[in-house]
Amino acid sequence: MDHERELAHTDYLTGALNSRSFFHIVEMEMYRSQRYKHPFTVAYVDLDNFKAVNDQFGRLAGDEVLRAVADGTKKYLRRKLIDHPEVMSQDICAWLDAS
C-alpha cells in the first residue's frame, strides 16, 4: 500500500512530488507559516532552452537532464520537488519552511 501511495503523490520520471501533492503541502506550510510567524519560501528554477535539448538529443536525453536536475536539487535542498506541469516539465519548484 505504501508503494501505491507514493506513486499517487510523485512524478513517475523524477520521483519528485506531483503538482497536487506539492500544492497541498505548500498550502499547509503557508498556513503554518502565517500561524506561527515563521518565514516561508518557494524556489522556482527554470531550465533555459530545455526544448532545444529534447529537439537536438531526443526525449530520453531530456528525461535524463530532468532526473539529474531533480536529484541534484533534492540533495542540495533536502526537500521534495515538483516538475511544474504547466510548462512541459522544464521547471522545478521547491518549498523551504523556516527559511
C-alpha atoms as a PDB file:
ATOM      1  CA  MET A   1       0.000   0.000   0.000  1.00  0.00           C
ATOM      2  CA  ASP A   2       2.847   2.416   0.762  1.00  0.00           C
ATOM      3  CA  HIS A   3       4.261   1.966  -2.741  1.00  0.00           C
ATOM      4  CA  GLU A   4       0.885   2.752  -4.320  1.00  0.00           C
ATOM      5  CA  ARG A   5       0.510   5.809  -2.088  1.00  0.00           C
ATOM      6  CA  GLU A   6       3.961   7.045  -3.098  1.00  0.00           C
ATOM      7  CA  LEU A   7       3.132   6.559  -6.782  1.00  0.00           C
ATOM      8  CA  ALA A   8      -0.062   8.583  -6.326  1.00  0.00           C
ATOM      9  CA  HIS A   9       1.903  11.526  -4.909  1.00  0.00           C
ATOM     10  CA  THR A  10       5.056  11.585  -7.033  1.00  0.00           C
ATOM     11  CA  ASP A  11       6.118  12.226 -10.611  1.00  0.00           C
ATOM     12  CA  TYR A  12       6.965   8.933 -12.328  1.00  0.00           C
ATOM     13  CA  LEU A  13      10.078  10.321 -14.031  1.00  0.00           C
ATOM     14  CA  THR A  14      11.828  12.237 -11.255  1.00  0.00           C
ATOM     15  CA  GLY A  15      10.323  10.865  -8.049  1.00  0.00           C
ATOM     16  CA  ALA A  16       9.505  14.471  -7.130  1.00  0.00           C
ATOM     17  CA  LEU A  17       6.130  15.443  -5.728  1.00  0.00           C
ATOM     18  CA  ASN A  18       3.398  15.763  -8.334  1.00  0.00           C
ATOM     19  CA  SER A  19       1.550  19.063  -8.647  1.00  0.00           C
ATOM     20  CA  ARG A  20      -1.439  18.048  -6.493  1.00  0.00           C
ATOM     21  CA  SER A  21       0.787  16.909  -3.614  1.00  0.00           C
ATOM     22  CA  PHE A  22       3.152  19.853  -3.930  1.00  0.00           C
ATOM     23  CA  PHE A  23       0.428  22.493  -3.834  1.00  0.00           C
ATOM     24  CA  HIS A  24      -1.358  20.708  -0.979  1.00  0.00           C
ATOM     25  CA  ILE A  25       1.829  20.770   1.092  1.00  0.00           C
ATOM     26  CA  VAL A  26       2.586  24.377   0.120  1.00  0.00           C
ATOM     27  CA  GLU A  27      -0.912  25.389   1.232  1.00  0.00           C
ATOM     28  CA  MET A  28      -0.412  23.684   4.609  1.00  0.00           C
ATOM     29  CA  GLU A  29       3.059  25.209   5.006  1.00  0.00           C
ATOM     30  CA  MET A  30       1.748  28.684   4.157  1.00  0.00           C
ATOM     31  CA  TYR A  31      -0.936  28.336   6.827  1.00  0.00           C
ATOM     32  CA  ARG A  32       1.611  27.123   9.378  1.00  0.00           C
ATOM     33  CA  SER A  33       3.992  29.925   8.404  1.00  0.00           C
ATOM     34  CA  GLN A  34       1.305  32.547   8.990  1.00  0.00           C
ATOM     35  CA  ARG A  35       0.072  30.950  12.200  1.00  0.00           C
ATOM     36  CA  TYR A  36       3.498  30.657  13.830  1.00  0.00           C
ATOM     37  CA  LYS A  37       5.026  33.722  12.151  1.00  0.00           C
ATOM     38  CA  HIS A  38       7.797  31.655  10.519  1.00  0.00           C
ATOM     39  CA  PRO A  39       9.328  32.596   7.175  1.00  0.00           C
ATOM     40  CA  PHE A  40       8.361  30.603   4.104  1.00  0.00           C
ATOM     41  CA  THR A  41       9.992  30.478   0.663  1.00  0.00           C
ATOM     42  CA  VAL A  42       9.084  28.922  -2.672  1.00  0.00           C
ATOM     43  CA  ALA A  43      12.002  28.496  -5.072  1.00  0.00           C
ATOM     44  CA  TYR A  44      11.381  28.280  -8.817  1.00  0.00           C
ATOM     45  CA  VAL A  45      14.031  27.025 -11.226  1.00  0.00           C
ATOM     46  CA  ASP A  46      13.627  27.352 -14.999  1.00  0.00           C
ATOM     47  CA  LEU A  47      15.725  25.180 -17.295  1.00  0.00           C
ATOM     48  CA  ASP A  48      16.601  27.564 -20.121  1.00  0.00           C
ATOM     49  CA  ASN A  49      16.497  26.103 -23.621  1.00  0.00           C
ATOM     50  CA  PHE A  50      15.210  22.763 -22.354  1.00  0.00           C
ATOM     51  CA  LYS A  51      13.130  22.287 -25.505  1.00  0.00           C
ATOM     52  CA  ALA A  52      16.331  22.532 -27.535  1.00  0.00           C
ATOM     53  CA  VAL A  53      17.784  19.603 -25.548  1.00  0.00           C
ATOM     54  CA  ASN A  54      14.743  17.487 -26.409  1.00  0.00           C
ATOM     55  CA  ASP A  55      14.793  18.618 -30.043  1.00  0.00           C
ATOM     56  CA  GLN A  56      18.517  18.063 -30.582  1.00  0.00           C
ATOM     57  CA  PHE A  57      19.226  14.994 -28.428  1.00  0.00           C
ATOM     58  CA  GLY A  58      15.802  13.389 -28.047  1.00  0.00           C
ATOM     59  CA  ARG A  59      13.315  12.930 -25.262  1.00  0.00           C
ATOM     60  CA  LEU A  60      15.371  10.287 -23.436  1.00  0.00           C
ATOM     61  CA  ALA A  61      18.234  12.770 -23.071  1.00  0.00           C
ATOM     62  CA  GLY A  62      15.763  15.404 -21.869  1.00  0.00           C
ATOM     63  CA  ASP A  63      14.413  12.935 -19.307  1.00  0.00           C
ATOM     64  CA  GLU A  64      17.956  12.313 -18.061  1.00  0.00           C
ATOM     65  CA  VAL A  65      18.501  16.062 -17.666  1.00  0.00           C
ATOM     66  CA  LEU A  66      15.269  16.376 -15.647  1.00  0.00           C
ATOM     67  CA  ARG A  67      16.221  13.444 -13.404  1.00  0.00           C
ATOM     68  CA  ALA A  68      19.717  14.827 -12.840  1.00  0.00           C
ATOM     69  CA  VAL A  69      18.448  18.316 -12.005  1.00  0.00           C
ATOM     70  CA  ALA A  70      15.730  16.961  -9.694  1.00  0.00           C
ATOM     71  CA  ASP A  71      18.173  14.610  -7.932  1.00  0.00           C
ATOM     72  CA  GLY A  72      20.799  17.312  -7.515  1.00  0.00           C
ATOM     73  CA  THR A  73      18.279  19.834  -6.253  1.00  0.00           C
ATOM     74  CA  LYS A  74      16.745  17.331  -3.811  1.00  0.00           C
ATOM     75  CA  LYS A  75      20.186  16.573  -2.384  1.00  0.00           C
ATOM     76  CA  TYR A  76      21.035  20.252  -2.106  1.00  0.00           C
ATOM     77  CA  LEU A  77      17.763  21.469  -0.622  1.00  0.00           C
ATOM     78  CA  ARG A  78      16.828  18.290   1.259  1.00  0.00           C
ATOM     79  CA  ARG A  79      13.207  18.937   0.321  1.00  0.00           C
ATOM     80  CA  LYS A  80      10.749  17.305  -2.092  1.00  0.00           C
ATOM     81  CA  LEU A  81      10.469  18.837  -5.540  1.00  0.00           C
ATOM     82  CA  ILE A  82       7.972  19.051  -8.321  1.00  0.00           C
ATOM     83  CA  ASP A  83       8.214  19.260 -12.065  1.00  0.00           C
ATOM     84  CA  HIS A  84       5.914  22.171 -12.812  1.00  0.00           C
ATOM     85  CA  PRO A  85       3.353  20.627 -15.208  1.00  0.00           C
ATOM     86  CA  GLU A  86       2.170  23.814 -16.935  1.00  0.00           C
ATOM     87  CA  VAL A  87       5.475  24.210 -18.738  1.00  0.00           C
ATOM     88  CA  MET A  88       6.204  20.728 -20.050  1.00  0.00           C
ATOM     89  CA  SER A  89       8.243  19.582 -17.037  1.00  0.00           C
ATOM     90  CA  GLN A  90      11.077  22.009 -17.693  1.00  0.00           C
ATOM     91  CA  ASP A  91      10.669  23.924 -14.450  1.00  0.00           C
ATOM     92  CA  ILE A  92      11.171  22.822 -10.883  1.00  0.00           C
ATOM     93  CA  CYS A  93       9.663  24.271  -7.707  1.00  0.00           C
ATOM     94  CA  ALA A  94      10.615  23.652  -4.100  1.00  0.00           C
ATOM     95  CA  TRP A  95       9.382  24.931  -0.775  1.00  0.00           C
ATOM     96  CA  LEU A  96      11.619  25.794   2.159  1.00  0.00           C
ATOM     97  CA  ASP A  97       9.996  26.257   5.532  1.00  0.00           C
ATOM     98  CA  ALA A  98      11.553  28.483   8.192  1.00  0.00           C
ATOM     99  CA  SER A  99      13.952  29.870   5.606  1.00  0.00           C
END
